[in-house]
Amino acid sequence: FLSGLLVLLVLLTGCAGSLPPATHSGAETAVLTDDSFLSSQSRQRLADANGQSGYYLLDSGQDAFLYRAAMIEAAEHRIDAQYYIWNRDDSGLHLAGRLLLAADRGVKVRLLLDDFNAEGIGELFASLDTHPNIHIRIFNPARNRSGWGRWVSFLMDFQRINRRMHNKTFVVDGAAGIVGGRNIGDEYFGFDESRYFRDRDVLALGPVVEGMADNFQAYWSSPWAYPASDLYTSMPTGAELAETLEGLRQQAIAQPRLPTSAPTGAEQGRSELTNVFSRMTIAQGELVFDPPPEHMDAPSETPKRSALALQRLAQTATREILIESAYLILAREQLQALGANERPQLEVAALTNSLASNDLVTNHAGYARWRPYMLEQGIDIYELKPDAEACQQWLSDDAFCATGEVSLHSKSVVFDRSTLVVGSFNVNLRSIYLNGETVSVSYTHLRAHETVLDL
């Protein structure tokens, strides 16, 4: 039996080798004009902002879904979306269908997905990729696309596969964008009755959106971003393909399974956005992202750019650091760099999941191992419990129909009550060393020409 298993592994290994880096054509950069509704709104709202950006926090699943849907309807030129997870469920299919309808009216759509969670929806997106106005790429894919072969690909090419694109951005017409910790799926928007992932995004106008666009472009142009058409080569064609796309269109139009009506058409989309733009907070800020790796086999021993930005903000904090992170795993080196014990005047508090609310037991095990040492270092730790009053409040206020379990999925840090960081960065070792991450930093205590990395 053992010899047969070894032979099988050798054969599978031959099928699971690394893919060669992708090559892209020269026409990769988005060319945008400033004549769109969103560009006009940005100029109007930020006319006297002196280079600052406009921000609106999306704390609830309701807002997160509706404003993404509204941005698709308001789009006139281009939509660039980048996600770690895009589920094939009611919300995921609806937004995918609206992207298809936007492409039908001439909007250029570019969608970049990380491969780790793409198995369930990859073939559908490969079908969308056949539309002349839609281009879809998969970041850092396994050679085998499904079944056991896919997992063998992961195991046999672990060094490369272990580096994931965890970034989550949604940019429309180069003028408005959403960045944060929320993936696309029912459990993130409050559609799933069994689980609600409490999360946070920022809807933004202004210069910070340029950073989101730069982040997207860097990953889109990476040799590790592969066209979906190159990965899914046995897709349906002809009448079968047309039927698939038309079914997606009709589902997006009829909205048969959505628990709420989403905006449809430019007028509704613009109306929703005009309302939220009037409530934005104007502040200095920037977008910090980790560039995609040039070499997947390079050592992962150096903190990435987003981690360094957070470290420098932590080192300059004088009074208080408030951390909200789904996964909280800091080892001795990071805790000593934080220096909470060496600065008695500095209060550090963190909210994370308890074992009961954590969706990944392995992550909780890593956190629990270091929990006593974090307490010794003077960090006040709060763990979310399923029966907490806040959980019931979130289900009541933030979700459409979720009534089941609540997990914390947001990633935010507040420094001295004057600097806010919202993004995809979990305060853990994977985000520090391995994943590509994106964080929005807004602040009031730095001069306009300074950046967080200049501190």
Protein backbone atom coordinates (compact mmCIF):
# COMPACT_ATOMS: atom_id res chain seq x y z
CA PHE A 1 0.00 0.00 0.00
CA LEU A 2 2.76 2.44 0.96
CA SER A 3 4.67 1.87 -2.28
CA GLY A 4 1.48 2.41 -4.27
CA LEU A 5 0.79 5.65 -2.40
CA LEU A 6 4.31 6.89 -3.12
CA VAL A 7 3.90 6.13 -6.83
CA LEU A 8 0.60 8.03 -6.84
CA LEU A 9 2.19 11.02 -5.14
CA VAL A 10 5.03 11.05 -7.65
CA LEU A 11 2.55 11.01 -10.53
CA LEU A 12 0.45 13.76 -8.97
CA THR A 13 3.54 15.81 -8.26
CA GLY A 14 4.34 15.76 -11.95
CA CYS A 15 0.88 17.21 -12.64
CA ALA A 16 1.12 19.77 -9.84
CA GLY A 17 4.26 21.66 -10.75
CA SER A 18 4.56 25.42 -10.71
CA LEU A 19 3.06 27.45 -13.50
CA PRO A 20 5.42 29.64 -15.51
CA PRO A 21 4.97 33.37 -14.83
CA ALA A 22 2.22 34.94 -16.92
CA THR A 23 3.02 37.44 -19.66
CA HIS A 24 0.69 40.35 -20.27
CA SER A 25 0.16 42.62 -23.23
CA GLY A 26 1.35 46.22 -23.14
CA ALA A 27 -2.12 47.78 -22.82
CA GLU A 28 -2.51 47.17 -19.08
CA THR A 29 -3.02 50.63 -17.56
CA ALA A 30 -6.51 52.04 -17.23
CA VAL A 31 -7.13 55.20 -19.25
CA LEU A 32 -9.81 57.28 -17.56
CA THR A 33 -11.41 60.63 -18.18
CA ASP A 34 -12.65 63.08 -15.56
CA ASP A 35 -16.10 63.52 -17.05
CA SER A 36 -17.94 60.87 -15.01
CA PHE A 37 -20.57 61.41 -12.34
CA LEU A 38 -18.18 60.10 -9.69
CA SER A 39 -15.36 62.38 -10.84
CA SER A 40 -17.75 65.34 -10.70
CA GLN A 41 -18.87 64.36 -7.20
CA SER A 42 -15.26 64.08 -6.05
CA ARG A 43 -14.40 67.55 -7.36
CA GLN A 44 -17.53 69.05 -5.84
CA ARG A 45 -17.20 67.45 -2.40
CA LEU A 46 -13.46 68.08 -2.11
CA ALA A 47 -13.26 71.52 -3.73
CA ASP A 48 -11.90 73.13 -0.57
CA ALA A 49 -10.25 70.05 0.92
CA ASN A 50 -6.60 71.04 0.18
CA GLY A 51 -5.58 67.60 -1.01
CA GLN A 52 -7.54 65.69 1.62
CA SER A 53 -9.89 62.80 0.92
CA GLY A 54 -13.51 62.04 1.83
CA TYR A 55 -14.28 59.01 4.00
CA TYR A 56 -17.41 57.17 5.06
CA LEU A 57 -17.16 54.10 7.29
CA LEU A 58 -19.15 51.07 6.17
CA ASP A 59 -19.68 49.26 9.45
CA SER A 60 -22.87 47.40 8.55
CA GLY A 61 -23.40 44.61 6.08
CA GLN A 62 -26.37 46.52 4.69
CA ASP A 63 -24.32 49.59 3.76
CA ALA A 64 -21.44 47.50 2.44
CA PHE A 65 -23.66 45.65 -0.03
CA LEU A 66 -25.86 48.56 -1.09
CA TYR A 67 -23.04 51.01 -1.78
CA ARG A 68 -21.09 48.46 -3.80
CA ALA A 69 -24.23 47.82 -5.82
CA ALA A 70 -24.80 51.58 -6.22
CA MET A 71 -21.24 52.11 -7.45
CA ILE A 72 -21.71 49.49 -10.16
CA GLU A 73 -24.85 51.27 -11.35
CA ALA A 74 -23.12 54.66 -11.33
CA ALA A 75 -20.08 53.40 -13.26
CA GLU A 76 -19.50 54.97 -16.67
CA HIS A 77 -16.00 53.97 -17.73
CA ARG A 78 -14.26 51.32 -15.62
CA ILE A 79 -14.66 49.06 -12.60
CA ASP A 80 -11.55 47.51 -11.03
CA ALA A 81 -12.24 44.99 -8.24
CA GLN A 82 -9.75 42.91 -6.28
CA TYR A 83 -10.82 40.29 -3.72
CA TYR A 84 -9.53 37.40 -1.66
CA ILE A 85 -12.98 35.72 -1.65
CA TRP A 86 -15.95 36.14 -4.00
CA ASN A 87 -18.59 33.54 -3.15
CA ARG A 88 -21.00 31.90 -5.53
CA ASP A 89 -24.02 32.74 -3.39
CA ASP A 90 -26.91 35.20 -3.64
CA SER A 91 -24.93 38.40 -3.08
CA GLY A 92 -21.91 37.19 -5.06
CA LEU A 93 -24.01 36.18 -8.05
CA HIS A 94 -26.02 39.39 -7.92
CA LEU A 95 -22.97 41.64 -7.96
CA ALA A 96 -21.35 39.50 -10.67
CA GLY A 97 -24.53 39.82 -12.73
CA ARG A 98 -24.61 43.58 -12.32
CA LEU A 99 -20.97 43.72 -13.43
CA LEU A 100 -22.03 41.82 -16.55
CA LEU A 101 -24.86 44.29 -17.19
CA ALA A 102 -22.43 47.19 -16.69
CA ALA A 103 -20.13 45.61 -19.28
CA ASP A 104 -23.11 45.32 -21.65
CA ARG A 105 -23.51 49.09 -21.55
CA GLY A 106 -19.83 49.67 -22.30
CA VAL A 107 -18.14 49.79 -18.88
CA LYS A 108 -14.72 48.11 -18.84
CA VAL A 109 -14.59 45.59 -15.98
CA ARG A 110 -11.40 44.14 -14.55
CA LEU A 111 -11.67 41.62 -11.73
CA LEU A 112 -8.72 40.06 -9.90
CA LEU A 113 -9.33 37.14 -7.52
CA ASP A 114 -6.98 35.25 -5.28
CA ASP A 115 -6.96 31.59 -6.25
CA PHE A 116 -7.09 30.04 -2.80
CA ASN A 117 -10.89 30.37 -2.58
CA ALA A 118 -11.70 30.55 -6.30
CA GLU A 119 -12.62 26.91 -6.90
CA GLY A 120 -16.36 27.41 -6.42
CA ILE A 121 -16.73 30.36 -8.76
CA GLY A 122 -13.73 30.20 -11.09
CA GLU A 123 -15.55 28.59 -14.00
CA LEU A 124 -18.37 31.13 -13.86
CA PHE A 125 -15.89 33.99 -13.92
CA ALA A 126 -14.07 32.33 -16.79
CA SER A 127 -17.39 32.51 -18.65
CA LEU A 128 -17.64 36.21 -17.83
CA ASP A 129 -14.11 36.62 -19.15
CA THR A 130 -15.41 35.85 -22.65
CA HIS A 131 -17.30 39.18 -22.67
CA PRO A 132 -15.33 41.76 -24.70
CA ASN A 133 -15.58 44.32 -21.86
CA ILE A 134 -14.70 41.96 -19.00
CA HIS A 135 -11.22 40.75 -18.13
CA ILE A 136 -10.64 38.43 -15.19
CA ARG A 137 -7.37 37.25 -13.70
CA ILE A 138 -6.56 34.78 -10.95
CA PHE A 139 -3.68 35.54 -8.60
CA ASN A 140 -1.10 32.85 -7.80
CA PRO A 141 -3.13 29.86 -9.01
CA ALA A 142 -2.60 26.15 -8.52
CA ARG A 143 -1.94 24.29 -11.75
CA ASN A 144 -4.83 21.87 -11.16
CA ARG A 145 -8.19 23.59 -10.97
CA SER A 146 -10.39 21.17 -9.02
CA GLY A 147 -10.64 18.06 -6.86
CA TRP A 148 -7.79 16.26 -5.17
CA GLY A 149 -5.36 17.43 -7.80
CA ARG A 150 -5.89 21.00 -6.65
CA TRP A 151 -4.99 20.18 -3.06
CA VAL A 152 -1.99 18.17 -4.18
CA SER A 153 -0.91 21.27 -6.14
CA PHE A 154 -1.11 23.26 -2.93
CA LEU A 155 0.93 20.72 -0.99
CA MET A 156 3.59 20.14 -3.61
CA ASP A 157 4.10 23.82 -4.36
CA PHE A 158 3.60 25.08 -0.82
CA GLN A 159 6.24 27.84 -0.78
CA ARG A 160 4.54 29.65 -3.67
CA ILE A 161 0.94 28.78 -2.81
CA ASN A 162 1.39 29.99 0.79
CA ARG A 163 1.67 33.61 -0.45
CA ARG A 164 -1.81 34.98 -0.92
CA MET A 165 -3.37 38.22 -2.17
CA HIS A 166 -5.53 39.21 0.80
CA ASN A 167 -6.24 42.73 -0.54
CA LYS A 168 -9.82 43.90 -1.00
CA THR A 169 -10.48 47.01 -3.11
CA PHE A 170 -13.30 48.18 -5.36
CA VAL A 171 -12.58 51.22 -7.57
CA VAL A 172 -15.02 52.82 -10.01
CA ASP A 173 -14.05 55.32 -12.71
CA GLY A 174 -10.81 55.98 -10.83
CA ALA A 175 -12.76 58.40 -8.62
CA ALA A 176 -14.51 56.45 -5.86
CA GLY A 177 -13.39 53.35 -4.04
CA ILE A 178 -14.06 50.94 -1.20
CA VAL A 179 -11.25 49.37 0.81
CA GLY A 180 -11.34 47.26 3.96
CA GLY A 181 -11.60 43.77 5.32
CA ARG A 182 -14.86 42.58 3.75
CA ASN A 183 -14.98 39.85 1.12
CA ILE A 184 -17.89 39.36 -1.28
CA GLY A 185 -20.37 36.85 0.14
CA ASP A 186 -23.64 36.48 2.04
CA GLU A 187 -21.99 36.04 5.44
CA TYR A 188 -20.17 39.38 5.03
CA PHE A 189 -23.30 41.34 4.08
CA GLY A 190 -25.72 39.80 6.58
CA PHE A 191 -27.60 37.65 4.04
CA ASP A 192 -26.61 34.31 5.58
CA GLU A 193 -28.95 33.25 8.37
CA SER A 194 -26.39 30.97 10.02
CA ARG A 195 -23.37 33.32 10.35
CA TYR A 196 -22.58 37.02 10.17
CA PHE A 197 -19.01 38.24 9.85
CA ARG A 198 -18.92 41.66 11.48
CA ASP A 199 -16.60 43.68 9.26
CA ARG A 200 -15.59 47.20 8.26
CA ASP A 201 -14.83 49.04 5.00
CA VAL A 202 -14.22 52.64 4.02
CA LEU A 203 -15.96 54.30 1.07
CA ALA A 204 -13.71 57.08 -0.20
CA LEU A 205 -13.32 59.93 -2.65
CA GLY A 206 -10.17 61.88 -3.46
CA PRO A 207 -6.42 61.18 -3.52
CA VAL A 208 -6.68 58.02 -1.41
CA VAL A 209 -8.57 56.40 -4.29
CA GLU A 210 -5.51 56.89 -6.48
CA GLY A 211 -3.66 54.63 -4.04
CA MET A 212 -6.37 51.99 -4.39
CA ALA A 213 -6.01 52.18 -8.18
CA ASP A 214 -2.21 51.86 -7.90
CA ASN A 215 -2.65 48.83 -5.65
CA PHE A 216 -4.97 47.16 -8.14
CA GLN A 217 -2.70 47.92 -11.08
CA ALA A 218 0.35 46.51 -9.33
CA TYR A 219 -1.34 43.16 -8.77
CA TRP A 220 -3.11 43.14 -12.13
CA SER A 221 0.21 43.55 -13.94
CA SER A 222 2.01 40.99 -11.79
CA PRO A 223 3.40 37.92 -13.58
CA TRP A 224 1.54 35.91 -10.95
CA ALA A 225 -1.87 37.16 -12.18
CA TYR A 226 -3.11 34.74 -14.83
CA PRO A 227 -5.97 35.35 -17.29
CA ALA A 228 -8.91 33.12 -16.40
CA SER A 229 -9.07 31.97 -20.01
CA ASP A 230 -5.59 30.45 -19.62
CA LEU A 231 -6.61 28.44 -16.57
CA TYR A 232 -10.06 27.22 -17.61
CA THR A 233 -9.57 25.85 -21.11
CA SER A 234 -12.56 23.50 -21.37
CA MET A 235 -15.32 26.03 -20.86
CA PRO A 236 -18.73 25.82 -22.60
CA THR A 237 -19.08 27.77 -25.81
CA GLY A 238 -21.81 28.81 -28.18
CA ALA A 239 -25.39 28.38 -27.02
CA GLU A 240 -24.41 26.90 -23.66
CA LEU A 241 -22.15 29.87 -22.83
CA ALA A 242 -24.81 32.34 -23.98
CA GLU A 243 -27.38 30.61 -21.78
CA THR A 244 -25.10 30.83 -18.73
CA LEU A 245 -24.50 34.55 -19.18
CA GLU A 246 -28.14 35.32 -19.92
CA GLY A 247 -29.21 33.42 -16.80
CA LEU A 248 -26.84 35.54 -14.73
CA ARG A 249 -28.23 38.73 -16.29
CA GLN A 250 -31.84 37.77 -15.59
CA GLN A 251 -31.09 36.79 -12.01
CA ALA A 252 -29.39 40.16 -11.43
CA ILE A 253 -32.38 41.98 -12.91
CA ALA A 254 -35.08 40.03 -11.05
CA GLN A 255 -33.22 39.84 -7.70
CA PRO A 256 -35.23 36.72 -6.74
CA ARG A 257 -33.23 35.72 -3.65
CA LEU A 258 -32.00 39.02 -2.25
CA PRO A 259 -33.44 39.95 1.15
CA THR A 260 -33.52 43.61 0.09
CA SER A 261 -33.89 45.53 -3.14
CA ALA A 262 -30.57 46.63 -4.58
CA PRO A 263 -30.30 49.79 -6.69
CA THR A 264 -30.69 49.22 -10.42
CA GLY A 265 -29.87 51.76 -13.09
CA ALA A 266 -27.79 54.93 -13.06
CA GLU A 267 -30.46 57.09 -11.44
CA GLN A 268 -30.87 54.88 -8.37
CA GLY A 269 -27.14 54.33 -8.04
CA ARG A 270 -26.36 58.03 -8.22
CA SER A 271 -29.11 58.87 -5.74
CA GLU A 272 -27.74 56.44 -3.13
CA LEU A 273 -24.20 57.74 -3.56
CA THR A 274 -25.11 61.43 -3.57
CA ASN A 275 -26.73 60.89 -0.18
CA VAL A 276 -23.71 59.14 1.35
CA PHE A 277 -21.18 61.56 -0.19
CA SER A 278 -22.90 64.40 1.65
CA ARG A 279 -22.10 62.69 4.95
CA MET A 280 -18.41 62.05 4.38
CA THR A 281 -15.67 63.05 6.78
CA ILE A 282 -12.86 65.06 5.16
CA ALA A 283 -9.38 64.13 6.38
CA GLN A 284 -5.78 63.75 5.33
CA GLY A 285 -4.96 60.18 4.43
CA GLU A 286 -3.19 57.66 2.26
CA LEU A 287 -3.40 54.10 1.00
CA VAL A 288 -0.57 51.75 1.98
CA PHE A 289 -0.30 48.40 0.20
CA ASP A 290 2.16 45.56 -0.08
CA PRO A 291 3.50 45.18 -3.63
CA PRO A 292 3.10 41.69 -5.09
CA PRO A 293 6.20 39.53 -4.67
CA GLU A 294 8.62 39.44 -7.56
CA HIS A 295 9.87 35.99 -6.60
CA MET A 296 7.53 33.58 -4.86
CA ASP A 297 10.41 31.52 -3.48
CA ALA A 298 12.09 34.48 -1.75
CA PRO A 299 12.42 34.18 2.06
CA SER A 300 9.47 35.59 4.02
CA GLU A 301 11.51 36.93 6.93
CA THR A 302 11.01 40.67 6.48
CA PRO A 303 7.86 42.54 7.54
CA LYS A 304 5.92 43.88 4.60
CA ARG A 305 5.20 47.53 3.85
CA SER A 306 1.78 47.63 5.54
CA ALA A 307 3.23 46.02 8.67
CA LEU A 308 6.04 48.59 8.78
CA ALA A 309 3.51 51.41 8.48
CA LEU A 310 1.54 50.08 11.45
CA GLN A 311 4.72 49.52 13.44
CA ARG A 312 5.82 53.12 12.94
CA LEU A 313 2.41 54.45 13.94
CA ALA A 314 2.55 52.26 17.07
CA GLN A 315 6.01 53.53 17.97
CA THR A 316 4.91 57.17 17.69
CA ALA A 317 1.68 56.71 19.67
CA THR A 318 1.87 58.46 23.03
CA ARG A 319 -1.41 57.71 24.81
CA GLU A 320 -3.48 54.88 23.39
CA ILE A 321 -3.66 52.13 20.78
CA LEU A 322 -6.99 50.41 20.16
CA ILE A 323 -6.87 47.21 18.06
CA GLU A 324 -9.79 45.35 16.52
CA SER A 325 -8.65 42.24 14.67
CA ALA A 326 -10.35 38.97 13.81
CA TYR A 327 -7.07 37.12 14.28
CA LEU A 328 -4.57 38.41 16.83
CA ILE A 329 -1.23 36.59 16.77
CA LEU A 330 1.79 38.63 17.83
CA ALA A 331 5.00 36.87 18.85
CA ARG A 332 7.78 38.11 21.11
CA GLU A 333 9.53 40.23 18.46
CA GLN A 334 6.41 42.20 17.51
CA LEU A 335 5.32 42.67 21.11
CA GLN A 336 8.70 44.01 22.12
CA ALA A 337 8.65 46.40 19.14
CA LEU A 338 5.24 47.60 20.29
CA GLY A 339 6.87 48.54 23.55
CA ALA A 340 3.70 48.73 25.63
CA ASN A 341 5.52 47.57 28.74
CA GLU A 342 8.27 50.15 28.32
CA ARG A 343 5.82 53.07 27.99
CA PRO A 344 3.67 53.08 31.15
CA GLN A 345 1.65 56.05 29.88
CA LEU A 346 0.59 54.10 26.77
CA GLU A 347 -2.65 52.10 27.00
CA VAL A 348 -3.00 49.24 24.52
CA ALA A 349 -6.29 47.37 24.20
CA ALA A 350 -7.31 44.71 21.68
CA LEU A 351 -10.64 43.12 20.71
CA THR A 352 -10.49 39.73 18.99
CA ASN A 353 -12.51 36.55 18.68
CA SER A 354 -12.93 34.05 21.46
CA LEU A 355 -12.67 30.37 20.64
CA ALA A 356 -16.46 30.24 20.47
CA SER A 357 -16.73 33.04 17.88
CA ASN A 358 -13.60 32.23 15.88
CA ASP A 359 -14.19 30.63 12.47
CA LEU A 360 -10.65 29.18 12.36
CA VAL A 361 -9.59 27.06 15.34
CA THR A 362 -5.99 26.98 14.09
CA ASN A 363 -5.77 30.76 14.28
CA HIS A 364 -7.22 30.75 17.78
CA ALA A 365 -4.62 28.17 18.83
CA GLY A 366 -1.85 30.47 17.63
CA TYR A 367 -3.38 33.38 19.52
CA ALA A 368 -3.98 31.42 22.73
CA ARG A 369 -0.34 30.36 22.81
CA TRP A 370 0.79 33.99 23.08
CA ARG A 371 -2.12 35.34 25.13
CA PRO A 372 -0.34 35.08 28.54
CA TYR A 373 2.72 36.88 27.16
CA MET A 374 0.56 39.64 25.62
CA LEU A 375 -1.06 40.18 29.01
CA GLU A 376 2.39 40.32 30.61
CA GLN A 377 3.32 43.01 28.11
CA GLY A 378 0.50 45.21 29.39
CA ILE A 379 -2.06 44.66 26.62
CA ASP A 380 -5.70 44.60 27.70
CA ILE A 381 -7.41 41.83 25.71
CA TYR A 382 -11.14 41.59 25.11
CA GLU A 383 -12.65 38.49 23.48
CA LEU A 384 -15.95 38.50 21.62
CA LYS A 385 -18.40 35.94 23.00
CA PRO A 386 -21.41 34.69 21.00
CA ASP A 387 -23.86 35.75 23.71
CA ALA A 388 -22.41 39.26 24.00
CA GLU A 389 -24.95 42.07 23.84
CA ALA A 390 -22.97 43.60 20.95
CA CYS A 391 -23.56 40.46 18.83
CA GLN A 392 -27.32 40.78 19.13
CA GLN A 393 -27.09 44.49 18.38
CA TRP A 394 -25.03 43.82 15.24
CA LEU A 395 -27.52 41.20 14.04
CA SER A 396 -30.34 43.66 14.59
CA ASP A 397 -28.72 46.76 13.09
CA ASP A 398 -26.11 45.57 10.57
CA ALA A 399 -27.56 42.55 8.82
CA PHE A 400 -30.53 41.84 6.58
CA CYS A 401 -31.57 38.40 7.75
CA ALA A 402 -28.73 36.90 9.78
CA THR A 403 -29.90 35.43 13.07
CA GLY A 404 -27.17 32.88 13.81
CA GLU A 405 -23.58 33.10 14.96
CA VAL A 406 -21.50 36.28 14.85
CA SER A 407 -17.76 36.38 14.25
CA LEU A 408 -15.49 39.40 14.29
CA HIS A 409 -13.87 39.87 10.87
CA SER A 410 -12.91 43.56 10.94
CA LYS A 411 -9.34 44.83 11.00
CA SER A 412 -8.90 48.34 12.41
CA VAL A 413 -6.45 50.20 14.63
CA VAL A 414 -6.88 53.63 16.26
CA PHE A 415 -3.81 55.53 17.45
CA ASP A 416 -4.22 58.32 20.03
CA ARG A 417 -7.83 58.87 18.91
CA SER A 418 -6.48 60.80 15.89
CA THR A 419 -5.27 58.21 13.37
CA LEU A 420 -7.53 55.47 12.00
CA VAL A 421 -6.34 52.45 10.02
CA VAL A 422 -8.92 50.29 8.23
CA GLY A 423 -7.96 47.53 5.83
CA SER A 424 -7.37 43.87 5.13
CA PHE A 425 -4.49 43.59 7.62
CA ASN A 426 -5.09 41.16 10.47
CA VAL A 427 -2.75 41.81 13.38
CA ASN A 428 -1.04 38.46 12.94
CA LEU A 429 2.13 36.94 11.55
CA ARG A 430 0.61 35.94 8.21
CA SER A 431 -0.31 39.54 7.42
CA ILE A 432 3.08 40.76 8.62
CA TYR A 433 5.23 38.39 6.55
CA LEU A 434 3.25 36.50 3.89
CA ASN A 435 0.02 38.02 2.58
CA GLY A 436 -0.41 40.99 0.32
CA GLU A 437 -2.43 43.51 2.36
CA THR A 438 -3.99 46.95 1.91
CA VAL A 439 -4.71 49.56 4.61
CA SER A 440 -6.29 52.99 4.50
CA VAL A 441 -4.69 55.43 6.94
CA SER A 442 -6.53 58.65 7.79
CA TYR A 443 -5.11 61.10 10.27
CA THR A 444 -5.26 64.62 11.64
CA HIS A 445 -1.86 65.00 13.31
CA LEU A 446 0.45 64.88 10.27
CA ARG A 447 1.17 67.67 7.85
CA ALA A 448 -0.23 67.23 4.36
CA HIS A 449 3.15 66.50 2.75
CA GLU A 450 4.08 63.77 5.24
CA THR A 451 3.18 60.10 4.87
CA VAL A 452 2.98 57.33 7.42
CA LEU A 453 6.14 55.73 6.04
CA ASP A 454 8.07 58.99 6.60
CA LEU A 455 7.59 58.89 10.36
